[in-house]
Amino acid sequence: MSDLYANYFCQKLFLKLKQEQIKNLVQELCSQKNKFMQVCRDSKGTHSVQCLIEVLKVEEEEPEFSEAFEEFISTCFEELAFDKNGTHVIVKFLLSRKDLPMNTIFQEISRHFLDLCYD
């Protein structure tokens, strides 16, 4: 996902995957927090992750899945928010998940509001 050329392949691949495959991929990525953080903060990897978020459609019957991804974003918020590439992952997540309650993420934004304004 972070390779100069492979990130384009991943983005095209994500568009072709079935929802179940996407969910399995995201669950695997979220379970490997440190590696996933590296991808989110990478200048090429951030584009792959943003594409993955865009194609991710969480059905109402599976709230635990969306909660898992939201938990990943909120637990890594500070590290992502103050990274020039990671911040794009947060923005894409917030813009694409308008229908989901984002209490934990908004609490993190409120907690770091002034620092974020000056960054």
PDB file of N, CA and C in Angstrom:
ATOM      1  N   MET A   1       0.811  -1.200   0.000  1.00  0.00           N
ATOM      2  CA  MET A   1       0.000   0.000   0.000  1.00  0.00           C
ATOM      3  C   MET A   1       0.854   1.264   0.000  1.00  0.00           C
ATOM      4  N   SER A   2       2.098   1.146   0.426  1.00  0.00           N
ATOM      5  CA  SER A   2       2.959   2.319   0.534  1.00  0.00           C
ATOM      6  C   SER A   2       3.964   2.442  -0.598  1.00  0.00           C
ATOM      7  N   ASP A   3       4.040   1.453  -1.453  1.00  0.00           N
ATOM      8  CA  ASP A   3       5.003   1.487  -2.542  1.00  0.00           C
ATOM      9  C   ASP A   3       4.606   2.550  -3.570  1.00  0.00           C
ATOM     10  N   LEU A   4       5.626   3.109  -4.212  1.00  0.00           N
ATOM     11  CA  LEU A   4       5.415   4.173  -5.192  1.00  0.00           C
ATOM     12  C   LEU A   4       4.396   3.780  -6.260  1.00  0.00           C
ATOM     13  N   TYR A   5       4.478   2.550  -6.751  1.00  0.00           N
ATOM     14  CA  TYR A   5       3.565   2.113  -7.811  1.00  0.00           C
ATOM     15  C   TYR A   5       2.474   1.173  -7.308  1.00  0.00           C
ATOM     16  N   ALA A   6       2.794   0.369  -6.314  1.00  0.00           N
ATOM     17  CA  ALA A   6       1.820  -0.601  -5.806  1.00  0.00           C
ATOM     18  C   ALA A   6       0.619   0.072  -5.152  1.00  0.00           C
ATOM     19  N   ASN A   7       0.781   1.296  -4.676  1.00  0.00           N
ATOM     20  CA  ASN A   7      -0.364   1.967  -4.059  1.00  0.00           C
ATOM     21  C   ASN A   7      -1.461   2.214  -5.093  1.00  0.00           C
ATOM     22  N   TYR A   8      -1.072   2.438  -6.335  1.00  0.00           N
ATOM     23  CA  TYR A   8      -2.080   2.590  -7.400  1.00  0.00           C
ATOM     24  C   TYR A   8      -2.803   1.272  -7.647  1.00  0.00           C
ATOM     25  N   PHE A   9      -2.047   0.187  -7.622  1.00  0.00           N
ATOM     26  CA  PHE A   9      -2.642  -1.140  -7.777  1.00  0.00           C
ATOM     27  C   PHE A   9      -3.641  -1.395  -6.660  1.00  0.00           C
ATOM     28  N   CYS A  10      -3.241  -1.084  -5.417  1.00  0.00           N
ATOM     29  CA  CYS A  10      -4.135  -1.295  -4.271  1.00  0.00           C
ATOM     30  C   CYS A  10      -5.414  -0.478  -4.409  1.00  0.00           C
ATOM     31  N   GLN A  11      -5.278   0.758  -4.837  1.00  0.00           N
ATOM     32  CA  GLN A  11      -6.466   1.604  -4.991  1.00  0.00           C
ATOM     33  C   GLN A  11      -7.435   1.016  -6.009  1.00  0.00           C
ATOM     34  N   LYS A  12      -6.915   0.512  -7.131  1.00  0.00           N
ATOM     35  CA  LYS A  12      -7.769  -0.103  -8.153  1.00  0.00           C
ATOM     36  C   LYS A  12      -8.349  -1.416  -7.647  1.00  0.00           C
ATOM     37  N   LEU A  13      -7.542  -2.173  -6.906  1.00  0.00           N
ATOM     38  CA  LEU A  13      -8.005  -3.433  -6.343  1.00  0.00           C
ATOM     39  C   LEU A  13      -9.157  -3.213  -5.374  1.00  0.00           C
ATOM     40  N   PHE A  14      -9.040  -2.205  -4.505  1.00  0.00           N
ATOM     41  CA  PHE A  14     -10.090  -1.929  -3.527  1.00  0.00           C
ATOM     42  C   PHE A  14     -11.429  -1.656  -4.204  1.00  0.00           C
ATOM     43  N   LEU A  15     -11.391  -1.040  -5.370  1.00  0.00           N
ATOM     44  CA  LEU A  15     -12.625  -0.737  -6.103  1.00  0.00           C
ATOM     45  C   LEU A  15     -13.304  -1.992  -6.623  1.00  0.00           C
ATOM     46  N   LYS A  16     -12.547  -3.080  -6.762  1.00  0.00           N
ATOM     47  CA  LYS A  16     -13.080  -4.327  -7.314  1.00  0.00           C
ATOM     48  C   LYS A  16     -13.450  -5.363  -6.254  1.00  0.00           C
ATOM     49  N   LEU A  17     -13.027  -5.152  -5.013  1.00  0.00           N
ATOM     50  CA  LEU A  17     -13.295  -6.128  -3.963  1.00  0.00           C
ATOM     51  C   LEU A  17     -14.760  -6.119  -3.544  1.00  0.00           C
ATOM     52  N   LYS A  18     -15.227  -7.268  -3.099  1.00  0.00           N
ATOM     53  CA  LYS A  18     -16.568  -7.376  -2.530  1.00  0.00           C
ATOM     54  C   LYS A  18     -16.516  -6.837  -1.107  1.00  0.00           C
ATOM     55  N   GLN A  19     -17.671  -6.430  -0.599  1.00  0.00           N
ATOM     56  CA  GLN A  19     -17.730  -5.837   0.738  1.00  0.00           C
ATOM     57  C   GLN A  19     -17.132  -6.751   1.801  1.00  0.00           C
ATOM     58  N   GLU A  20     -17.399  -8.030   1.721  1.00  0.00           N
ATOM     59  CA  GLU A  20     -16.857  -8.968   2.706  1.00  0.00           C
ATOM     60  C   GLU A  20     -15.326  -8.985   2.660  1.00  0.00           C
ATOM     61  N   GLN A  21     -14.759  -8.912   1.482  1.00  0.00           N
ATOM     62  CA  GLN A  21     -13.307  -8.886   1.332  1.00  0.00           C
ATOM     63  C   GLN A  21     -12.721  -7.587   1.901  1.00  0.00           C
ATOM     64  N   ILE A  22     -13.408  -6.494   1.665  1.00  0.00           N
ATOM     65  CA  ILE A  22     -12.960  -5.208   2.206  1.00  0.00           C
ATOM     66  C   ILE A  22     -12.998  -5.239   3.728  1.00  0.00           C
ATOM     67  N   LYS A  23     -14.061  -5.768   4.282  1.00  0.00           N
ATOM     68  CA  LYS A  23     -14.194  -5.848   5.737  1.00  0.00           C
ATOM     69  C   LYS A  23     -13.086  -6.705   6.333  1.00  0.00           C
ATOM     70  N   ASN A  24     -12.796  -7.833   5.709  1.00  0.00           N
ATOM     71  CA  ASN A  24     -11.713  -8.693   6.192  1.00  0.00           C
ATOM     72  C   ASN A  24     -10.369  -7.971   6.136  1.00  0.00           C
ATOM     73  N   LEU A  25     -10.141  -7.239   5.065  1.00  0.00           N
ATOM     74  CA  LEU A  25      -8.902  -6.487   4.903  1.00  0.00           C
ATOM     75  C   LEU A  25      -8.753  -5.423   5.990  1.00  0.00           C
ATOM     76  N   VAL A  26      -9.808  -4.667   6.227  1.00  0.00           N
ATOM     77  CA  VAL A  26      -9.754  -3.605   7.242  1.00  0.00           C
ATOM     78  C   VAL A  26      -9.565  -4.203   8.631  1.00  0.00           C
ATOM     79  N   GLN A  27     -10.236  -5.305   8.917  1.00  0.00           N
ATOM     80  CA  GLN A  27     -10.067  -5.945  10.224  1.00  0.00           C
ATOM     81  C   GLN A  27      -8.625  -6.394  10.415  1.00  0.00           C
ATOM     82  N   GLU A  28      -8.027  -6.939   9.370  1.00  0.00           N
ATOM     83  CA  GLU A  28      -6.634  -7.368   9.439  1.00  0.00           C
ATOM     84  C   GLU A  28      -5.712  -6.167   9.651  1.00  0.00           C
ATOM     85  N   LEU A  29      -5.952  -5.098   8.921  1.00  0.00           N
ATOM     86  CA  LEU A  29      -5.133  -3.897   9.065  1.00  0.00           C
ATOM     87  C   LEU A  29      -5.254  -3.305  10.469  1.00  0.00           C
ATOM     88  N   CYS A  30      -6.476  -3.225  10.971  1.00  0.00           N
ATOM     89  CA  CYS A  30      -6.691  -2.656  12.306  1.00  0.00           C
ATOM     90  C   CYS A  30      -6.064  -3.521  13.395  1.00  0.00           C
ATOM     91  N   SER A  31      -5.955  -4.824  13.152  1.00  0.00           N
ATOM     92  CA  SER A  31      -5.348  -5.711  14.149  1.00  0.00           C
ATOM     93  C   SER A  31      -3.831  -5.546  14.200  1.00  0.00           C
ATOM     94  N   GLN A  32      -3.255  -4.970  13.161  1.00  0.00           N
ATOM     95  CA  GLN A  32      -1.814  -4.716  13.121  1.00  0.00           C
ATOM     96  C   GLN A  32      -1.583  -3.208  13.189  1.00  0.00           C
ATOM     97  N   LYS A  33      -1.939  -2.650  14.313  1.00  0.00           N
ATOM     98  CA  LYS A  33      -1.986  -1.191  14.499  1.00  0.00           C
ATOM     99  C   LYS A  33      -0.701  -0.484  14.067  1.00  0.00           C
ATOM    100  N   ASN A  34       0.462  -0.965  14.495  1.00  0.00           N
ATOM    101  CA  ASN A  34       1.714  -0.272  14.179  1.00  0.00           C
ATOM    102  C   ASN A  34       1.997  -0.250  12.684  1.00  0.00           C
ATOM    103  N   LYS A  35       1.782  -1.365  12.018  1.00  0.00           N
ATOM    104  CA  LYS A  35       2.012  -1.419  10.570  1.00  0.00           C
ATOM    105  C   LYS A  35       1.004  -0.535   9.834  1.00  0.00           C
ATOM    106  N   PHE A  36      -0.241  -0.579  10.296  1.00  0.00           N
ATOM    107  CA  PHE A  36      -1.281   0.230   9.663  1.00  0.00           C
ATOM    108  C   PHE A  36      -0.989   1.715   9.855  1.00  0.00           C
ATOM    109  N   MET A  37      -0.474   2.080  11.028  1.00  0.00           N
ATOM    110  CA  MET A  37      -0.109   3.478  11.271  1.00  0.00           C
ATOM    111  C   MET A  37       0.979   3.926  10.302  1.00  0.00           C
ATOM    112  N   GLN A  38       1.930   3.058  10.028  1.00  0.00           N
ATOM    113  CA  GLN A  38       2.995   3.394   9.085  1.00  0.00           C
ATOM    114  C   GLN A  38       2.412   3.676   7.700  1.00  0.00           C
ATOM    115  N   VAL A  39       1.437   2.869   7.298  1.00  0.00           N
ATOM    116  CA  VAL A  39       0.798   3.063   5.997  1.00  0.00           C
ATOM    117  C   VAL A  39       0.022   4.371   5.980  1.00  0.00           C
ATOM    118  N   CYS A  40      -0.728   4.647   7.027  1.00  0.00           N
ATOM    119  CA  CYS A  40      -1.521   5.886   7.103  1.00  0.00           C
ATOM    120  C   CYS A  40      -0.639   7.125   7.036  1.00  0.00           C
ATOM    121  N   ARG A  41       0.563   7.042   7.603  1.00  0.00           N
ATOM    122  CA  ARG A  41       1.450   8.201   7.668  1.00  0.00           C
ATOM    123  C   ARG A  41       2.404   8.280   6.484  1.00  0.00           C
ATOM    124  N   ASP A  42       2.390   7.292   5.623  1.00  0.00           N
ATOM    125  CA  ASP A  42       3.268   7.277   4.459  1.00  0.00           C
ATOM    126  C   ASP A  42       2.677   8.147   3.348  1.00  0.00           C
ATOM    127  N   SER A  43       3.535   8.831   2.592  1.00  0.00           N
ATOM    128  CA  SER A  43       3.053   9.749   1.547  1.00  0.00           C
ATOM    129  C   SER A  43       2.279   9.027   0.447  1.00  0.00           C
ATOM    130  N   LYS A  44       2.569   7.772   0.191  1.00  0.00           N
ATOM    131  CA  LYS A  44       1.816   6.992  -0.807  1.00  0.00           C
ATOM    132  C   LYS A  44       0.723   6.167  -0.132  1.00  0.00           C
ATOM    133  N   GLY A  45       1.049   5.634   1.037  1.00  0.00           N
ATOM    134  CA  GLY A  45       0.097   4.793   1.760  1.00  0.00           C
ATOM    135  C   GLY A  45      -1.171   5.517   2.150  1.00  0.00           C
ATOM    136  N   THR A  46      -1.058   6.809   2.445  1.00  0.00           N
ATOM    137  CA  THR A  46      -2.244   7.566   2.830  1.00  0.00           C
ATOM    138  C   THR A  46      -3.298   7.557   1.724  1.00  0.00           C
ATOM    139  N   HIS A  47      -2.853   7.544   0.477  1.00  0.00           N
ATOM    140  CA  HIS A  47      -3.801   7.505  -0.648  1.00  0.00           C
ATOM    141  C   HIS A  47      -4.513   6.151  -0.708  1.00  0.00           C
ATOM    142  N   SER A  48      -3.777   5.080  -0.438  1.00  0.00           N
ATOM    143  CA  SER A  48      -4.382   3.745  -0.414  1.00  0.00           C
ATOM    144  C   SER A  48      -5.435   3.651   0.681  1.00  0.00           C
ATOM    145  N   VAL A  49      -5.100   4.155   1.875  1.00  0.00           N
ATOM    146  CA  VAL A  49      -6.032   4.091   3.004  1.00  0.00           C
ATOM    147  C   VAL A  49      -7.262   4.947   2.733  1.00  0.00           C
ATOM    148  N   GLN A  50      -7.068   6.124   2.153  1.00  0.00           N
ATOM    149  CA  GLN A  50      -8.210   6.983   1.836  1.00  0.00           C
ATOM    150  C   GLN A  50      -9.139   6.304   0.831  1.00  0.00           C
ATOM    151  N   CYS A  51      -8.575   5.618  -0.143  1.00  0.00           N
ATOM    152  CA  CYS A  51      -9.387   4.886  -1.116  1.00  0.00           C
ATOM    153  C   CYS A  51     -10.150   3.760  -0.423  1.00  0.00           C
ATOM    154  N   LEU A  52      -9.485   3.073   0.481  1.00  0.00           N
ATOM    155  CA  LEU A  52     -10.128   1.994   1.230  1.00  0.00           C
ATOM    156  C   LEU A  52     -11.301   2.524   2.048  1.00  0.00           C
ATOM    157  N   ILE A  53     -11.117   3.660   2.699  1.00  0.00           N
ATOM    158  CA  ILE A  53     -12.199   4.272   3.479  1.00  0.00           C
ATOM    159  C   ILE A  53     -13.362   4.637   2.557  1.00  0.00           C
ATOM    160  N   GLU A  54     -13.035   5.143   1.389  1.00  0.00           N
ATOM    161  CA  GLU A  54     -14.074   5.562   0.444  1.00  0.00           C
ATOM    162  C   GLU A  54     -14.937   4.394  -0.027  1.00  0.00           C
ATOM    163  N   VAL A  55     -14.337   3.239  -0.249  1.00  0.00           N
ATOM    164  CA  VAL A  55     -15.108   2.096  -0.746  1.00  0.00           C
ATOM    165  C   VAL A  55     -15.774   1.307   0.371  1.00  0.00           C
ATOM    166  N   LEU A  56     -15.412   1.616   1.602  1.00  0.00           N
ATOM    167  CA  LEU A  56     -15.956   0.906   2.745  1.00  0.00           C
ATOM    168  C   LEU A  56     -17.400   1.343   2.997  1.00  0.00           C
ATOM    169  N   LYS A  57     -18.289   0.406   2.875  1.00  0.00           N
ATOM    170  CA  LYS A  57     -19.699   0.687   3.161  1.00  0.00           C
ATOM    171  C   LYS A  57     -20.109  -0.206   4.331  1.00  0.00           C
ATOM    172  N   VAL A  58     -20.368   0.423   5.450  1.00  0.00           N
ATOM    173  CA  VAL A  58     -20.722  -0.330   6.642  1.00  0.00           C
ATOM    174  C   VAL A  58     -22.237  -0.422   6.735  1.00  0.00           C
ATOM    175  N   GLU A  59     -22.715  -1.644   6.776  1.00  0.00           N
ATOM    176  CA  GLU A  59     -24.157  -1.857   6.861  1.00  0.00           C
ATOM    177  C   GLU A  59     -24.611  -1.706   8.306  1.00  0.00           C
ATOM    178  N   GLU A  60     -25.873  -1.359   8.471  1.00  0.00           N
ATOM    179  CA  GLU A  60     -26.426  -1.117   9.807  1.00  0.00           C
ATOM    180  C   GLU A  60     -26.350  -2.353  10.692  1.00  0.00           C
ATOM    181  N   GLU A  61     -26.394  -3.544  10.085  1.00  0.00           N
ATOM    182  CA  GLU A  61     -26.364  -4.772  10.874  1.00  0.00           C
ATOM    183  C   GLU A  61     -24.986  -5.034  11.477  1.00  0.00           C
ATOM    184  N   GLU A  62     -23.994  -4.275  11.084  1.00  0.00           N
ATOM    185  CA  GLU A  62     -22.641  -4.537  11.539  1.00  0.00           C
ATOM    186  C   GLU A  62     -22.012  -3.320  12.210  1.00  0.00           C
ATOM    187  N   PRO A  63     -22.641  -2.785  13.245  1.00  0.00           N
ATOM    188  CA  PRO A  63     -22.091  -1.592  13.881  1.00  0.00           C
ATOM    189  C   PRO A  63     -20.744  -1.841  14.541  1.00  0.00           C
ATOM    190  N   GLU A  64     -20.488  -3.088  14.972  1.00  0.00           N
ATOM    191  CA  GLU A  64     -19.210  -3.376  15.627  1.00  0.00           C
ATOM    192  C   GLU A  64     -18.031  -3.186  14.677  1.00  0.00           C
ATOM    193  N   PHE A  65     -18.273  -3.365  13.391  1.00  0.00           N
ATOM    194  CA  PHE A  65     -17.203  -3.180  12.412  1.00  0.00           C
ATOM    195  C   PHE A  65     -16.844  -1.703  12.291  1.00  0.00           C
ATOM    196  N   SER A  66     -17.841  -0.846  12.143  1.00  0.00           N
ATOM    197  CA  SER A  66     -17.568   0.587  12.049  1.00  0.00           C
ATOM    198  C   SER A  66     -16.975   1.104  13.348  1.00  0.00           C
ATOM    199  N   GLU A  67     -17.411   0.546  14.464  1.00  0.00           N
ATOM    200  CA  GLU A  67     -16.870   0.952  15.750  1.00  0.00           C
ATOM    201  C   GLU A  67     -15.396   0.582  15.869  1.00  0.00           C
ATOM    202  N   ALA A  68     -15.015  -0.567  15.307  1.00  0.00           N
ATOM    203  CA  ALA A  68     -13.612  -0.994  15.348  1.00  0.00           C
ATOM    204  C   ALA A  68     -12.731  -0.014  14.577  1.00  0.00           C
ATOM    205  N   PHE A  69     -13.206   0.428  13.412  1.00  0.00           N
ATOM    206  CA  PHE A  69     -12.419   1.368  12.623  1.00  0.00           C
ATOM    207  C   PHE A  69     -12.379   2.730  13.301  1.00  0.00           C
ATOM    208  N   GLU A  70     -13.517   3.146  13.850  1.00  0.00           N
ATOM    209  CA  GLU A  70     -13.550   4.416  14.574  1.00  0.00           C
ATOM    210  C   GLU A  70     -12.615   4.350  15.779  1.00  0.00           C
ATOM    211  N   GLU A  71     -12.577   3.205  16.451  1.00  0.00           N
ATOM    212  CA  GLU A  71     -11.692   3.048  17.601  1.00  0.00           C
ATOM    213  C   GLU A  71     -10.228   3.161  17.176  1.00  0.00           C
ATOM    214  N   PHE A  72      -9.887   2.575  16.027  1.00  0.00           N
ATOM    215  CA  PHE A  72      -8.516   2.695  15.521  1.00  0.00           C
ATOM    216  C   PHE A  72      -8.169   4.162  15.294  1.00  0.00           C
ATOM    217  N   ILE A  73      -9.056   4.884  14.611  1.00  0.00           N
ATOM    218  CA  ILE A  73      -8.802   6.297  14.324  1.00  0.00           C
ATOM    219  C   ILE A  73      -8.675   7.086  15.623  1.00  0.00           C
ATOM    220  N   SER A  74      -9.572   6.850  16.574  1.00  0.00           N
ATOM    221  CA  SER A  74      -9.548   7.648  17.801  1.00  0.00           C
ATOM    222  C   SER A  74      -8.358   7.307  18.688  1.00  0.00           C
ATOM    223  N   THR A  75      -7.950   6.036  18.737  1.00  0.00           N
ATOM    224  CA  THR A  75      -6.795   5.686  19.574  1.00  0.00           C
ATOM    225  C   THR A  75      -5.496   6.188  18.966  1.00  0.00           C
ATOM    226  N   CYS A  76      -5.476   6.372  17.669  1.00  0.00           N
ATOM    227  CA  CYS A  76      -4.275   6.867  16.979  1.00  0.00           C
ATOM    228  C   CYS A  76      -4.432   8.318  16.573  1.00  0.00           C
ATOM    229  N   PHE A  77      -5.469   8.967  17.083  1.00  0.00           N
ATOM    230  CA  PHE A  77      -5.812  10.308  16.617  1.00  0.00           C
ATOM    231  C   PHE A  77      -4.648  11.283  16.695  1.00  0.00           C
ATOM    232  N   GLU A  78      -4.029  11.367  17.850  1.00  0.00           N
ATOM    233  CA  GLU A  78      -2.980  12.371  18.030  1.00  0.00           C
ATOM    234  C   GLU A  78      -1.829  12.137  17.056  1.00  0.00           C
ATOM    235  N   GLU A  79      -1.432  10.889  16.906  1.00  0.00           N
ATOM    236  CA  GLU A  79      -0.340  10.568  15.992  1.00  0.00           C
ATOM    237  C   GLU A  79      -0.714  10.854  14.538  1.00  0.00           C
ATOM    238  N   LEU A  80      -1.971  10.575  14.174  1.00  0.00           N
ATOM    239  CA  LEU A  80      -2.429  10.843  12.808  1.00  0.00           C
ATOM    240  C   LEU A  80      -2.668  12.328  12.567  1.00  0.00           C
ATOM    241  N   ALA A  81      -3.280  12.988  13.529  1.00  0.00           N
ATOM    242  CA  ALA A  81      -3.681  14.390  13.349  1.00  0.00           C
ATOM    243  C   ALA A  81      -2.499  15.328  13.173  1.00  0.00           C
ATOM    244  N   PHE A  82      -1.399  15.023  13.798  1.00  0.00           N
ATOM    245  CA  PHE A  82      -0.239  15.902  13.711  1.00  0.00           C
ATOM    246  C   PHE A  82       0.789  15.413  12.692  1.00  0.00           C
ATOM    247  N   ASP A  83       0.360  14.501  11.836  1.00  0.00           N
ATOM    248  CA  ASP A  83       1.209  14.013  10.758  1.00  0.00           C
ATOM    249  C   ASP A  83       0.658  14.553   9.443  1.00  0.00           C
ATOM    250  N   LYS A  84       1.534  15.043   8.570  1.00  0.00           N
ATOM    251  CA  LYS A  84       1.075  15.684   7.330  1.00  0.00           C
ATOM    252  C   LYS A  84       0.310  14.738   6.418  1.00  0.00           C
ATOM    253  N   ASN A  85       0.546  13.430   6.495  1.00  0.00           N
ATOM    254  CA  ASN A  85      -0.192  12.465   5.682  1.00  0.00           C
ATOM    255  C   ASN A  85      -1.336  11.825   6.468  1.00  0.00           C
ATOM    256  N   GLY A  86      -1.087  11.560   7.740  1.00  0.00           N
ATOM    257  CA  GLY A  86      -2.097  10.924   8.579  1.00  0.00           C
ATOM    258  C   GLY A  86      -3.357  11.747   8.738  1.00  0.00           C
ATOM    259  N   THR A  87      -3.202  13.067   8.730  1.00  0.00           N
ATOM    260  CA  THR A  87      -4.372  13.933   8.896  1.00  0.00           C
ATOM    261  C   THR A  87      -5.389  13.728   7.770  1.00  0.00           C
ATOM    262  N   HIS A  88      -4.909  13.379   6.582  1.00  0.00           N
ATOM    263  CA  HIS A  88      -5.819  13.140   5.461  1.00  0.00           C
ATOM    264  C   HIS A  88      -6.679  11.898   5.683  1.00  0.00           C
ATOM    265  N   VAL A  89      -6.142  10.927   6.407  1.00  0.00           N
ATOM    266  CA  VAL A  89      -6.910   9.720   6.732  1.00  0.00           C
ATOM    267  C   VAL A  89      -8.079  10.091   7.642  1.00  0.00           C
ATOM    268  N   ILE A  90      -7.810  10.915   8.650  1.00  0.00           N
ATOM    269  CA  ILE A  90      -8.877  11.347   9.568  1.00  0.00           C
ATOM    270  C   ILE A  90      -9.946  12.135   8.816  1.00  0.00           C
ATOM    271  N   VAL A  91      -9.520  13.076   7.996  1.00  0.00           N
ATOM    272  CA  VAL A  91     -10.475  13.900   7.244  1.00  0.00           C
ATOM    273  C   VAL A  91     -11.341  13.028   6.336  1.00  0.00           C
ATOM    274  N   LYS A  92     -10.724  12.096   5.620  1.00  0.00           N
ATOM    275  CA  LYS A  92     -11.490  11.214   4.719  1.00  0.00           C
ATOM    276  C   LYS A  92     -12.486  10.382   5.518  1.00  0.00           C
ATOM    277  N   PHE A  93     -12.061   9.882   6.664  1.00  0.00           N
ATOM    278  CA  PHE A  93     -12.952   9.082   7.505  1.00  0.00           C
ATOM    279  C   PHE A  93     -14.142   9.910   7.971  1.00  0.00           C
ATOM    280  N   LEU A  94     -13.877  11.125   8.446  1.00  0.00           N
ATOM    281  CA  LEU A  94     -14.963  11.984   8.924  1.00  0.00           C
ATOM    282  C   LEU A  94     -15.923  12.368   7.795  1.00  0.00           C
ATOM    283  N   LEU A  95     -15.390  12.664   6.624  1.00  0.00           N
ATOM    284  CA  LEU A  95     -16.236  13.065   5.501  1.00  0.00           C
ATOM    285  C   LEU A  95     -17.050  11.910   4.936  1.00  0.00           C
ATOM    286  N   SER A  96     -16.518  10.710   5.005  1.00  0.00           N
ATOM    287  CA  SER A  96     -17.214   9.574   4.400  1.00  0.00           C
ATOM    288  C   SER A  96     -18.146   8.870   5.373  1.00  0.00           C
ATOM    289  N   ARG A  97     -18.038   9.137   6.653  1.00  0.00           N
ATOM    290  CA  ARG A  97     -18.847   8.437   7.653  1.00  0.00           C
ATOM    291  C   ARG A  97     -19.813   9.385   8.345  1.00  0.00           C
ATOM    292  N   LYS A  98     -20.440  10.251   7.611  1.00  0.00           N
ATOM    293  CA  LYS A  98     -21.339  11.252   8.191  1.00  0.00           C
ATOM    294  C   LYS A  98     -22.499  10.633   8.967  1.00  0.00           C
ATOM    295  N   ASP A  99     -22.879   9.418   8.593  1.00  0.00           N
ATOM    296  CA  ASP A  99     -24.023   8.759   9.201  1.00  0.00           C
ATOM    297  C   ASP A  99     -23.705   8.080  10.525  1.00  0.00           C
ATOM    298  N   LEU A 100     -22.441   8.006  10.904  1.00  0.00           N
ATOM    299  CA  LEU A 100     -22.054   7.294  12.118  1.00  0.00           C
ATOM    300  C   LEU A 100     -21.810   8.264  13.270  1.00  0.00           C
ATOM    301  N   PRO A 101     -22.145   7.834  14.502  1.00  0.00           N
ATOM    302  CA  PRO A 101     -21.808   8.672  15.648  1.00  0.00           C
ATOM    303  C   PRO A 101     -20.293   8.686  15.830  1.00  0.00           C
ATOM    304  N   MET A 102     -19.718   9.847  15.994  1.00  0.00           N
ATOM    305  CA  MET A 102     -18.266   9.990  16.078  1.00  0.00           C
ATOM    306  C   MET A 102     -17.843  10.616  17.393  1.00  0.00           C
ATOM    307  N   ASN A 103     -18.513  10.252  18.460  1.00  0.00           N
ATOM    308  CA  ASN A 103     -18.260  10.885  19.752  1.00  0.00           C
ATOM    309  C   ASN A 103     -16.801  10.815  20.168  1.00  0.00           C
ATOM    310  N   THR A 104     -16.183   9.650  20.032  1.00  0.00           N
ATOM    311  CA  THR A 104     -14.802   9.511  20.505  1.00  0.00           C
ATOM    312  C   THR A 104     -13.854  10.376  19.693  1.00  0.00           C
ATOM    313  N   ILE A 105     -14.053  10.457  18.394  1.00  0.00           N
ATOM    314  CA  ILE A 105     -13.176  11.269  17.555  1.00  0.00           C
ATOM    315  C   ILE A 105     -13.375  12.751  17.843  1.00  0.00           C
ATOM    316  N   PHE A 106     -14.630  13.175  17.994  1.00  0.00           N
ATOM    317  CA  PHE A 106     -14.886  14.583  18.297  1.00  0.00           C
ATOM    318  C   PHE A 106     -14.351  14.962  19.673  1.00  0.00           C
ATOM    319  N   GLN A 107     -14.342  14.020  20.611  1.00  0.00           N
ATOM    320  CA  GLN A 107     -13.739  14.293  21.917  1.00  0.00           C
ATOM    321  C   GLN A 107     -12.241  14.530  21.763  1.00  0.00           C
ATOM    322  N   GLU A 108     -11.608  13.731  20.907  1.00  0.00           N
ATOM    323  CA  GLU A 108     -10.174  13.906  20.658  1.00  0.00           C
ATOM    324  C   GLU A 108      -9.895  15.249  19.983  1.00  0.00           C
ATOM    325  N   ILE A 109     -10.738  15.614  19.032  1.00  0.00           N
ATOM    326  CA  ILE A 109     -10.575  16.910  18.367  1.00  0.00           C
ATOM    327  C   ILE A 109     -10.718  18.031  19.391  1.00  0.00           C
ATOM    328  N   SER A 110     -11.714  17.958  20.243  1.00  0.00           N
ATOM    329  CA  SER A 110     -11.928  18.984  21.265  1.00  0.00           C
ATOM    330  C   SER A 110     -10.742  19.071  22.219  1.00  0.00           C
ATOM    331  N   ARG A 111     -10.207  17.916  22.585  1.00  0.00           N
ATOM    332  CA  ARG A 111      -9.090  17.868  23.527  1.00  0.00           C
ATOM    333  C   ARG A 111      -7.823  18.513  22.957  1.00  0.00           C
ATOM    334  N   HIS A 112      -7.634  18.404  21.658  1.00  0.00           N
ATOM    335  CA  HIS A 112      -6.425  18.920  21.006  1.00  0.00           C
ATOM    336  C   HIS A 112      -6.716  20.135  20.123  1.00  0.00           C
ATOM    337  N   PHE A 113      -7.842  20.771  20.327  1.00  0.00           N
ATOM    338  CA  PHE A 113      -8.305  21.795  19.394  1.00  0.00           C
ATOM    339  C   PHE A 113      -7.281  22.913  19.161  1.00  0.00           C
ATOM    340  N   LEU A 114      -6.798  23.524  20.206  1.00  0.00           N
ATOM    341  CA  LEU A 114      -5.857  24.639  20.037  1.00  0.00           C
ATOM    342  C   LEU A 114      -4.562  24.189  19.374  1.00  0.00           C
ATOM    343  N   ASP A 115      -4.040  23.042  19.777  1.00  0.00           N
ATOM    344  CA  ASP A 115      -2.815  22.527  19.156  1.00  0.00           C
ATOM    345  C   ASP A 115      -3.037  22.262  17.675  1.00  0.00           C
ATOM    346  N   LEU A 116      -4.200  21.731  17.335  1.00  0.00           N
ATOM    347  CA  LEU A 116      -4.517  21.471  15.922  1.00  0.00           C
ATOM    348  C   LEU A 116      -4.615  22.782  15.137  1.00  0.00           C
ATOM    349  N   CYS A 117      -5.185  23.795  15.754  1.00  0.00           N
ATOM    350  CA  CYS A 117      -5.307  25.090  15.088  1.00  0.00           C
ATOM    351  C   CYS A 117      -3.943  25.693  14.760  1.00  0.00           C
ATOM    352  N   TYR A 118      -2.992  25.493  15.647  1.00  0.00           N
ATOM    353  CA  TYR A 118      -1.671  26.075  15.437  1.00  0.00           C
ATOM    354  C   TYR A 118      -0.740  25.190  14.609  1.00  0.00           C
ATOM    355  N   ASP A 119      -1.135  23.952  14.390  1.00  0.00           N
ATOM    356  CA  ASP A 119      -0.269  23.028  13.635  1.00  0.00           C
ATOM    357  C   ASP A 119      -0.397  23.252  12.133  1.00  0.00           C
TER     358      ASP A 119
END
